[in-house]
């Protein structure tokens, strides 16, 4: 997921509290990496206005299950049951 921020506060606000956009980015990144048999999932690429650099957030395979369980909880709280089922199935795949 590519993101662009005007300032550091926007970045902090997005990642300060778990939200569905972040959960979607995590699940999508892990799913893509798992299907390609990678050992690290690239979750987010981001930049700041006026900054020539691009940054990335990735997650090693040994942390995928924990991250997916947090996303599953978020989907359940939001009553997004299709996403919850898909995430549960992905948890089963990555924990093998």
PDB file of N, CA and C in Angstrom:
ATOM      1  N   UNK A   1       0.849  -1.165   0.000  1.00  0.00           N
ATOM      2  CA  UNK A   1       0.000   0.000   0.000  1.00  0.00           C
ATOM      3  C   UNK A   1       0.898   1.233   0.000  1.00  0.00           C
ATOM      4  N   UNK A   2       0.702   2.103  -0.964  1.00  0.00           N
ATOM      5  CA  UNK A   2       1.485   3.337  -1.050  1.00  0.00           C
ATOM      6  C   UNK A   2       0.712   4.472  -0.383  1.00  0.00           C
ATOM      7  N   UNK A   3       1.423   5.232   0.430  1.00  0.00           N
ATOM      8  CA  UNK A   3       0.817   6.344   1.167  1.00  0.00           C
ATOM      9  C   UNK A   3       1.671   7.590   1.004  1.00  0.00           C
ATOM     10  N   UNK A   4       1.009   8.732   1.083  1.00  0.00           N
ATOM     11  CA  UNK A   4       1.719  10.005   1.037  1.00  0.00           C
ATOM     12  C   UNK A   4       1.156  10.889   2.141  1.00  0.00           C
ATOM     13  N   UNK A   5       2.045  11.547   2.855  1.00  0.00           N
ATOM     14  CA  UNK A   5       1.634  12.392   3.974  1.00  0.00           C
ATOM     15  C   UNK A   5       2.153  13.810   3.799  1.00  0.00           C
ATOM     16  N   UNK A   6       1.381  14.756   4.308  1.00  0.00           N
ATOM     17  CA  UNK A   6       1.811  16.155   4.276  1.00  0.00           C
ATOM     18  C   UNK A   6       2.832  16.432   5.367  1.00  0.00           C
ATOM     19  N   UNK A   7       2.658  15.748   6.505  1.00  0.00           N
ATOM     20  CA  UNK A   7       3.553  15.975   7.634  1.00  0.00           C
ATOM     21  C   UNK A   7       3.592  14.743   8.526  1.00  0.00           C
ATOM     22  N   UNK A   8       4.470  14.771   9.499  1.00  0.00           N
ATOM     23  CA  UNK A   8       4.661  13.623  10.391  1.00  0.00           C
ATOM     24  C   UNK A   8       3.425  13.354  11.242  1.00  0.00           C
ATOM     25  N   UNK A   9       2.659  14.391  11.570  1.00  0.00           N
ATOM     26  CA  UNK A   9       1.455  14.209  12.381  1.00  0.00           C
ATOM     27  C   UNK A   9       0.438  13.328  11.657  1.00  0.00           C
ATOM     28  N   UNK A  10       0.269  13.520  10.348  1.00  0.00           N
ATOM     29  CA  UNK A  10      -0.641  12.665   9.574  1.00  0.00           C
ATOM     30  C   UNK A  10      -0.201  11.203   9.652  1.00  0.00           C
ATOM     31  N   UNK A  11       1.107  10.988   9.541  1.00  0.00           N
ATOM     32  CA  UNK A  11       1.653   9.639   9.639  1.00  0.00           C
ATOM     33  C   UNK A  11       1.363   9.046  11.012  1.00  0.00           C
ATOM     34  N   UNK A  12       1.658   9.793  12.056  1.00  0.00           N
ATOM     35  CA  UNK A  12       1.427   9.323  13.420  1.00  0.00           C
ATOM     36  C   UNK A  12      -0.047   9.027  13.670  1.00  0.00           C
ATOM     37  N   UNK A  13      -0.915   9.889  13.179  1.00  0.00           N
ATOM     38  CA  UNK A  13      -2.354   9.691  13.387  1.00  0.00           C
ATOM     39  C   UNK A  13      -2.853   8.409  12.742  1.00  0.00           C
ATOM     40  N   UNK A  14      -2.332   8.079  11.568  1.00  0.00           N
ATOM     41  CA  UNK A  14      -2.767   6.866  10.882  1.00  0.00           C
ATOM     42  C   UNK A  14      -2.356   5.617  11.651  1.00  0.00           C
ATOM     43  N   UNK A  15      -1.152   5.605  12.182  1.00  0.00           N
ATOM     44  CA  UNK A  15      -0.629   4.399  12.819  1.00  0.00           C
ATOM     45  C   UNK A  15      -0.764   4.395  14.337  1.00  0.00           C
ATOM     46  N   UNK A  16      -1.223   5.486  14.923  1.00  0.00           N
ATOM     47  CA  UNK A  16      -1.343   5.567  16.379  1.00  0.00           C
ATOM     48  C   UNK A  16      -2.374   4.576  16.911  1.00  0.00           C
ATOM     49  N   UNK A  17      -3.522   4.540  16.299  1.00  0.00           N
ATOM     50  CA  UNK A  17      -4.571   3.612  16.729  1.00  0.00           C
ATOM     51  C   UNK A  17      -4.905   2.694  15.562  1.00  0.00           C
ATOM     52  N   UNK A  18      -5.096   1.425  15.846  1.00  0.00           N
ATOM     53  CA  UNK A  18      -5.418   0.486  14.760  1.00  0.00           C
ATOM     54  C   UNK A  18      -6.707   0.900  14.043  1.00  0.00           C
ATOM     55  N   UNK A  19      -6.690   0.837  12.732  1.00  0.00           N
ATOM     56  CA  UNK A  19      -7.881   1.154  11.957  1.00  0.00           C
ATOM     57  C   UNK A  19      -7.989   0.175  10.795  1.00  0.00           C
ATOM     58  N   UNK A  20      -9.092   0.222  10.098  1.00  0.00           N
ATOM     59  CA  UNK A  20      -9.341  -0.744   9.031  1.00  0.00           C
ATOM     60  C   UNK A  20      -8.396  -0.574   7.847  1.00  0.00           C
ATOM     61  N   UNK A  21      -8.008   0.650   7.528  1.00  0.00           N
ATOM     62  CA  UNK A  21      -7.074   0.860   6.423  1.00  0.00           C
ATOM     63  C   UNK A  21      -5.732   0.182   6.710  1.00  0.00           C
ATOM     64  N   UNK A  22      -5.260   0.328   7.935  1.00  0.00           N
ATOM     65  CA  UNK A  22      -4.003  -0.307   8.320  1.00  0.00           C
ATOM     66  C   UNK A  22      -4.166  -1.823   8.303  1.00  0.00           C
ATOM     67  N   UNK A  23      -5.272  -2.320   8.858  1.00  0.00           N
ATOM     68  CA  UNK A  23      -5.529  -3.766   8.858  1.00  0.00           C
ATOM     69  C   UNK A  23      -5.569  -4.311   7.437  1.00  0.00           C
ATOM     70  N   UNK A  24      -6.240  -3.611   6.540  1.00  0.00           N
ATOM     71  CA  UNK A  24      -6.312  -4.046   5.143  1.00  0.00           C
ATOM     72  C   UNK A  24      -4.920  -4.104   4.512  1.00  0.00           C
ATOM     73  N   UNK A  25      -4.101  -3.115   4.784  1.00  0.00           N
ATOM     74  CA  UNK A  25      -2.747  -3.090   4.242  1.00  0.00           C
ATOM     75  C   UNK A  25      -1.891  -4.227   4.771  1.00  0.00           C
ATOM     76  N   UNK A  26      -2.045  -4.534   6.049  1.00  0.00           N
ATOM     77  CA  UNK A  26      -1.285  -5.625   6.660  1.00  0.00           C
ATOM     78  C   UNK A  26      -1.695  -6.964   6.061  1.00  0.00           C
ATOM     79  N   UNK A  27      -3.002  -7.221   6.027  1.00  0.00           N
ATOM     80  CA  UNK A  27      -3.490  -8.496   5.491  1.00  0.00           C
ATOM     81  C   UNK A  27      -3.096  -8.652   4.025  1.00  0.00           C
ATOM     82  N   UNK A  28      -3.261  -7.618   3.253  1.00  0.00           N
ATOM     83  CA  UNK A  28      -2.931  -7.679   1.828  1.00  0.00           C
ATOM     84  C   UNK A  28      -1.438  -7.943   1.620  1.00  0.00           C
ATOM     85  N   UNK A  29      -0.601  -7.240   2.356  1.00  0.00           N
ATOM     86  CA  UNK A  29       0.843  -7.425   2.221  1.00  0.00           C
ATOM     87  C   UNK A  29       1.287  -8.826   2.606  1.00  0.00           C
ATOM     88  N   UNK A  30       0.726  -9.350   3.691  1.00  0.00           N
ATOM     89  CA  UNK A  30       1.087 -10.697   4.127  1.00  0.00           C
ATOM     90  C   UNK A  30       0.572 -11.735   3.141  1.00  0.00           C
ATOM     91  N   UNK A  31      -0.644 -11.554   2.658  1.00  0.00           N
ATOM     92  CA  UNK A  31      -1.217 -12.513   1.708  1.00  0.00           C
ATOM     93  C   UNK A  31      -0.367 -12.595   0.443  1.00  0.00           C
ATOM     94  N   UNK A  32       0.018 -11.440  -0.095  1.00  0.00           N
ATOM     95  CA  UNK A  32       0.845 -11.413  -1.303  1.00  0.00           C
ATOM     96  C   UNK A  32       2.206 -12.060  -1.060  1.00  0.00           C
ATOM     97  N   UNK A  33       2.806 -11.767   0.073  1.00  0.00           N
ATOM     98  CA  UNK A  33       4.122 -12.330   0.379  1.00  0.00           C
ATOM     99  C   UNK A  33       4.042 -13.833   0.610  1.00  0.00           C
ATOM    100  N   UNK A  34       2.989 -14.277   1.281  1.00  0.00           N
ATOM    101  CA  UNK A  34       2.814 -15.713   1.519  1.00  0.00           C
ATOM    102  C   UNK A  34       2.635 -16.460   0.195  1.00  0.00           C
ATOM    103  N   UNK A  35       1.841 -15.912  -0.691  1.00  0.00           N
ATOM    104  CA  UNK A  35       1.606 -16.595  -1.969  1.00  0.00           C
ATOM    105  C   UNK A  35       2.868 -16.641  -2.831  1.00  0.00           C
ATOM    106  N   UNK A  36       3.787 -15.701  -2.620  1.00  0.00           N
ATOM    107  CA  UNK A  36       5.053 -15.695  -3.359  1.00  0.00           C
ATOM    108  C   UNK A  36       6.177 -16.382  -2.573  1.00  0.00           C
ATOM    109  N   UNK A  37       5.800 -16.981  -1.416  1.00  0.00           N
ATOM    110  CA  UNK A  37       6.744 -17.711  -0.564  1.00  0.00           C
ATOM    111  C   UNK A  37       7.919 -16.841  -0.098  1.00  0.00           C
ATOM    112  N   UNK A  38       7.619 -15.594   0.217  1.00  0.00           N
ATOM    113  CA  UNK A  38       8.651 -14.678   0.703  1.00  0.00           C
ATOM    114  C   UNK A  38       8.771 -14.803   2.226  1.00  0.00           C
ATOM    115  N   UNK A  39       9.896 -14.342   2.748  1.00  0.00           N
ATOM    116  CA  UNK A  39      10.144 -14.410   4.185  1.00  0.00           C
ATOM    117  C   UNK A  39       9.851 -13.092   4.886  1.00  0.00           C
ATOM    118  N   UNK A  40       9.583 -12.069   4.102  1.00  0.00           N
ATOM    119  CA  UNK A  40       9.254 -10.744   4.634  1.00  0.00           C
ATOM    120  C   UNK A  40       8.110 -10.165   3.817  1.00  0.00           C
ATOM    121  N   UNK A  41       7.192  -9.524   4.511  1.00  0.00           N
ATOM    122  CA  UNK A  41       6.055  -8.896   3.832  1.00  0.00           C
ATOM    123  C   UNK A  41       6.258  -7.387   3.799  1.00  0.00           C
ATOM    124  N   UNK A  42       6.228  -6.828   2.601  1.00  0.00           N
ATOM    125  CA  UNK A  42       6.241  -5.374   2.449  1.00  0.00           C
ATOM    126  C   UNK A  42       4.809  -4.898   2.656  1.00  0.00           C
ATOM    127  N   UNK A  43       4.588  -4.117   3.700  1.00  0.00           N
ATOM    128  CA  UNK A  43       3.230  -3.703   4.046  1.00  0.00           C
ATOM    129  C   UNK A  43       2.891  -2.317   3.528  1.00  0.00           C
ATOM    130  N   UNK A  44       3.779  -1.365   3.725  1.00  0.00           N
ATOM    131  CA  UNK A  44       3.495   0.023   3.364  1.00  0.00           C
ATOM    132  C   UNK A  44       4.736   0.675   2.775  1.00  0.00           C
ATOM    133  N   UNK A  45       4.518   1.505   1.780  1.00  0.00           N
ATOM    134  CA  UNK A  45       5.537   2.395   1.253  1.00  0.00           C
ATOM    135  C   UNK A  45       4.958   3.795   1.410  1.00  0.00           C
ATOM    136  N   UNK A  46       5.764   4.703   1.940  1.00  0.00           N
ATOM    137  CA  UNK A  46       5.220   6.037   2.170  1.00  0.00           C
ATOM    138  C   UNK A  46       6.274   7.105   1.961  1.00  0.00           C
ATOM    139  N   UNK A  47       5.763   8.306   1.735  1.00  0.00           N
ATOM    140  CA  UNK A  47       6.630   9.468   1.556  1.00  0.00           C
ATOM    141  C   UNK A  47       5.949  10.678   2.188  1.00  0.00           C
ATOM    142  N   UNK A  48       6.744  11.723   2.342  1.00  0.00           N
ATOM    143  CA  UNK A  48       6.245  12.990   2.883  1.00  0.00           C
ATOM    144  C   UNK A  48       6.394  14.066   1.824  1.00  0.00           C
ATOM    145  N   UNK A  49       5.422  14.956   1.771  1.00  0.00           N
ATOM    146  CA  UNK A  49       5.482  16.073   0.833  1.00  0.00           C
ATOM    147  C   UNK A  49       6.793  16.826   1.008  1.00  0.00           C
ATOM    148  N   UNK A  50       7.450  17.114  -0.095  1.00  0.00           N
ATOM    149  CA  UNK A  50       8.691  17.880  -0.044  1.00  0.00           C
ATOM    150  C   UNK A  50       9.915  17.056   0.297  1.00  0.00           C
ATOM    151  N   UNK A  51       9.749  15.769   0.548  1.00  0.00           N
ATOM    152  CA  UNK A  51      10.872  14.884   0.877  1.00  0.00           C
ATOM    153  C   UNK A  51      11.122  13.981  -0.318  1.00  0.00           C
ATOM    154  N   UNK A  52      12.357  13.903  -0.754  1.00  0.00           N
ATOM    155  CA  UNK A  52      12.664  13.108  -1.939  1.00  0.00           C
ATOM    156  C   UNK A  52      12.764  11.615  -1.648  1.00  0.00           C
ATOM    157  N   UNK A  53      12.750  11.233  -0.386  1.00  0.00           N
ATOM    158  CA  UNK A  53      12.914   9.830  -0.023  1.00  0.00           C
ATOM    159  C   UNK A  53      11.581   9.115   0.125  1.00  0.00           C
ATOM    160  N   UNK A  54      11.616   7.813  -0.122  1.00  0.00           N
ATOM    161  CA  UNK A  54      10.448   6.964   0.115  1.00  0.00           C
ATOM    162  C   UNK A  54      10.850   5.944   1.175  1.00  0.00           C
ATOM    163  N   UNK A  55       9.962   5.681   2.096  1.00  0.00           N
ATOM    164  CA  UNK A  55      10.225   4.779   3.205  1.00  0.00           C
ATOM    165  C   UNK A  55       9.317   3.561   3.085  1.00  0.00           C
ATOM    166  N   UNK A  56       9.679   2.499   3.779  1.00  0.00           N
ATOM    167  CA  UNK A  56       8.841   1.306   3.726  1.00  0.00           C
ATOM    168  C   UNK A  56       8.743   0.671   5.109  1.00  0.00           C
ATOM    169  N   UNK A  57       7.650  -0.051   5.303  1.00  0.00           N
ATOM    170  CA  UNK A  57       7.434  -0.817   6.524  1.00  0.00           C
ATOM    171  C   UNK A  57       7.218  -2.261   6.083  1.00  0.00           C
ATOM    172  N   UNK A  58       8.037  -3.145   6.622  1.00  0.00           N
ATOM    173  CA  UNK A  58       7.894  -4.560   6.296  1.00  0.00           C
ATOM    174  C   UNK A  58       7.820  -5.368   7.584  1.00  0.00           C
ATOM    175  N   UNK A  59       7.422  -6.619   7.440  1.00  0.00           N
ATOM    176  CA  UNK A  59       7.221  -7.476   8.602  1.00  0.00           C
ATOM    177  C   UNK A  59       7.797  -8.856   8.305  1.00  0.00           C
ATOM    178  N   UNK A  60       8.697  -9.357   9.170  1.00  0.00           N
ATOM    179  CA  UNK A  60       9.254 -10.691   8.946  1.00  0.00           C
ATOM    180  C   UNK A  60       8.200 -11.780   9.179  1.00  0.00           C
ATOM    181  N   UNK A  61       8.412 -12.902   8.538  1.00  0.00           N
ATOM    182  CA  UNK A  61       7.448 -13.997   8.552  1.00  0.00           C
ATOM    183  C   UNK A  61       7.087 -14.470   9.959  1.00  0.00           C
ATOM    184  N   UNK A  62       8.035 -14.458  10.880  1.00  0.00           N
ATOM    185  CA  UNK A  62       7.750 -14.946  12.231  1.00  0.00           C
ATOM    186  C   UNK A  62       6.791 -14.038  13.007  1.00  0.00           C
ATOM    187  N   UNK A  63       6.450 -12.876  12.450  1.00  0.00           N
ATOM    188  CA  UNK A  63       5.514 -11.964  13.102  1.00  0.00           C
ATOM    189  C   UNK A  63       4.169 -11.880  12.381  1.00  0.00           C
ATOM    190  N   UNK A  64       4.016 -12.600  11.278  1.00  0.00           N
ATOM    191  CA  UNK A  64       2.789 -12.525  10.496  1.00  0.00           C
ATOM    192  C   UNK A  64       1.574 -12.978  11.295  1.00  0.00           C
ATOM    193  N   UNK A  65       1.677 -14.086  11.989  1.00  0.00           N
ATOM    194  CA  UNK A  65       0.523 -14.627  12.700  1.00  0.00           C
ATOM    195  C   UNK A  65       0.004 -13.639  13.748  1.00  0.00           C
ATOM    196  N   UNK A  66       0.889 -13.030  14.497  1.00  0.00           N
ATOM    197  CA  UNK A  66       0.493 -12.057  15.521  1.00  0.00           C
ATOM    198  C   UNK A  66      -0.204 -10.858  14.882  1.00  0.00           C
ATOM    199  N   UNK A  67       0.359 -10.371  13.792  1.00  0.00           N
ATOM    200  CA  UNK A  67      -0.229  -9.219  13.107  1.00  0.00           C
ATOM    201  C   UNK A  67      -1.607  -9.572  12.538  1.00  0.00           C
ATOM    202  N   UNK A  68      -1.724 -10.762  11.958  1.00  0.00           N
ATOM    203  CA  UNK A  68      -3.007 -11.176  11.387  1.00  0.00           C
ATOM    204  C   UNK A  68      -4.070 -11.354  12.467  1.00  0.00           C
ATOM    205  N   UNK A  69      -3.682 -11.853  13.616  1.00  0.00           N
ATOM    206  CA  UNK A  69      -4.651 -12.007  14.717  1.00  0.00           C
ATOM    207  C   UNK A  69      -5.174 -10.646  15.178  1.00  0.00           C
ATOM    208  N   UNK A  70      -4.306  -9.640  15.188  1.00  0.00           N
ATOM    209  CA  UNK A  70      -4.746  -8.288  15.549  1.00  0.00           C
ATOM    210  C   UNK A  70      -5.718  -7.749  14.491  1.00  0.00           C
ATOM    211  N   UNK A  71      -5.445  -8.036  13.225  1.00  0.00           N
ATOM    212  CA  UNK A  71      -6.343  -7.606  12.148  1.00  0.00           C
ATOM    213  C   UNK A  71      -7.673  -8.342  12.235  1.00  0.00           C
ATOM    214  N   UNK A  72      -7.629  -9.632  12.546  1.00  0.00           N
ATOM    215  CA  UNK A  72      -8.844 -10.428  12.694  1.00  0.00           C
ATOM    216  C   UNK A  72      -9.728  -9.827  13.781  1.00  0.00           C
ATOM    217  N   UNK A  73      -9.130  -9.457  14.888  1.00  0.00           N
ATOM    218  CA  UNK A  73      -9.888  -8.844  15.990  1.00  0.00           C
ATOM    219  C   UNK A  73     -10.552  -7.542  15.521  1.00  0.00           C
ATOM    220  N   UNK A  74      -9.809  -6.753  14.760  1.00  0.00           N
ATOM    221  CA  UNK A  74     -10.351  -5.486  14.252  1.00  0.00           C
ATOM    222  C   UNK A  74     -11.538  -5.739  13.322  1.00  0.00           C
ATOM    223  N   UNK A  75     -11.432  -6.724  12.441  1.00  0.00           N
ATOM    224  CA  UNK A  75     -12.532  -7.059  11.531  1.00  0.00           C
ATOM    225  C   UNK A  75     -13.756  -7.564  12.304  1.00  0.00           C
ATOM    226  N   UNK A  76     -13.513  -8.370  13.323  1.00  0.00           N
ATOM    227  CA  UNK A  76     -14.636  -8.869  14.129  1.00  0.00           C
ATOM    228  C   UNK A  76     -15.352  -7.722  14.843  1.00  0.00           C
ATOM    229  N   UNK A  77     -14.569  -6.803  15.402  1.00  0.00           N
ATOM    230  CA  UNK A  77     -15.161  -5.646  16.092  1.00  0.00           C
ATOM    231  C   UNK A  77     -16.002  -4.804  15.138  1.00  0.00           C
ATOM    232  N   UNK A  78     -15.557  -4.708  13.901  1.00  0.00           N
ATOM    233  CA  UNK A  78     -16.275  -3.905  12.900  1.00  0.00           C
ATOM    234  C   UNK A  78     -17.373  -4.717  12.196  1.00  0.00           C
ATOM    235  N   UNK A  79     -17.519  -5.979  12.603  1.00  0.00           N
ATOM    236  CA  UNK A  79     -18.512  -6.885  12.024  1.00  0.00           C
ATOM    237  C   UNK A  79     -18.323  -7.052  10.516  1.00  0.00           C
ATOM    238  N   UNK A  80     -17.072  -7.095  10.104  1.00  0.00           N
ATOM    239  CA  UNK A  80     -16.713  -7.352   8.711  1.00  0.00           C
ATOM    240  C   UNK A  80     -16.354  -8.838   8.605  1.00  0.00           C
ATOM    241  N   UNK A  81     -17.389  -9.650   8.540  1.00  0.00           N
ATOM    242  CA  UNK A  81     -17.217 -11.087   8.691  1.00  0.00           C
ATOM    243  C   UNK A  81     -16.535 -11.746   7.500  1.00  0.00           C
ATOM    244  N   UNK A  82     -16.737 -11.247   6.298  1.00  0.00           N
ATOM    245  CA  UNK A  82     -16.044 -11.816   5.142  1.00  0.00           C
ATOM    246  C   UNK A  82     -14.531 -11.622   5.283  1.00  0.00           C
ATOM    247  N   UNK A  83     -14.120 -10.418   5.655  1.00  0.00           N
ATOM    248  CA  UNK A  83     -12.702 -10.147   5.856  1.00  0.00           C
ATOM    249  C   UNK A  83     -12.161 -10.967   7.029  1.00  0.00           C
ATOM    250  N   UNK A  84     -12.989 -11.132   8.066  1.00  0.00           N
ATOM    251  CA  UNK A  84     -12.566 -11.924   9.229  1.00  0.00           C
ATOM    252  C   UNK A  84     -12.328 -13.377   8.829  1.00  0.00           C
ATOM    253  N   UNK A  85     -13.213 -13.939   8.041  1.00  0.00           N
ATOM    254  CA  UNK A  85     -13.055 -15.334   7.592  1.00  0.00           C
ATOM    255  C   UNK A  85     -11.808 -15.476   6.728  1.00  0.00           C
ATOM    256  N   UNK A  86     -11.625 -14.558   5.782  1.00  0.00           N
ATOM    257  CA  UNK A  86     -10.444 -14.604   4.921  1.00  0.00           C
ATOM    258  C   UNK A  86      -9.155 -14.498   5.743  1.00  0.00           C
ATOM    259  N   UNK A  87      -9.169 -13.625   6.737  1.00  0.00           N
ATOM    260  CA  UNK A  87      -7.992 -13.436   7.585  1.00  0.00           C
ATOM    261  C   UNK A  87      -7.738 -14.667   8.432  1.00  0.00           C
ATOM    262  N   UNK A  88      -8.799 -15.271   8.967  1.00  0.00           N
ATOM    263  CA  UNK A  88      -8.658 -16.503   9.743  1.00  0.00           C
ATOM    264  C   UNK A  88      -8.028 -17.604   8.882  1.00  0.00           C
ATOM    265  N   UNK A  89      -8.486 -17.734   7.654  1.00  0.00           N
ATOM    266  CA  UNK A  89      -7.933 -18.745   6.753  1.00  0.00           C
ATOM    267  C   UNK A  89      -6.467 -18.467   6.438  1.00  0.00           C
ATOM    268  N   UNK A  90      -6.120 -17.200   6.300  1.00  0.00           N
ATOM    269  CA  UNK A  90      -4.724 -16.839   6.057  1.00  0.00           C
ATOM    270  C   UNK A  90      -3.867 -17.165   7.280  1.00  0.00           C
ATOM    271  N   UNK A  91      -4.392 -16.936   8.468  1.00  0.00           N
ATOM    272  CA  UNK A  91      -3.678 -17.292   9.693  1.00  0.00           C
ATOM    273  C   UNK A  91      -3.360 -18.789   9.690  1.00  0.00           C
ATOM    274  N   UNK A  92      -4.332 -19.598   9.305  1.00  0.00           N
ATOM    275  CA  UNK A  92      -4.117 -21.043   9.249  1.00  0.00           C
ATOM    276  C   UNK A  92      -3.005 -21.402   8.268  1.00  0.00           C
ATOM    277  N   UNK A  93      -2.946 -20.703   7.145  1.00  0.00           N
ATOM    278  CA  UNK A  93      -1.917 -20.985   6.137  1.00  0.00           C
ATOM    279  C   UNK A  93      -0.512 -20.584   6.610  1.00  0.00           C
ATOM    280  N   UNK A  94      -0.397 -19.419   7.233  1.00  0.00           N
ATOM    281  CA  UNK A  94       0.937 -18.930   7.617  1.00  0.00           C
ATOM    282  C   UNK A  94       1.463 -19.602   8.880  1.00  0.00           C
ATOM    283  N   UNK A  95       0.592 -20.224   9.663  1.00  0.00           N
ATOM    284  CA  UNK A  95       1.035 -20.851  10.897  1.00  0.00           C
ATOM    285  C   UNK A  95       1.500 -22.291  10.705  1.00  0.00           C
ATOM    286  N   UNK A  96       1.418 -22.763   9.464  1.00  0.00           N
ATOM    287  CA  UNK A  96       1.846 -24.146   9.174  1.00  0.00           C
ATOM    288  C   UNK A  96       3.343 -24.233   9.143  1.00  0.00           C
TER     289      UNK A  96
END
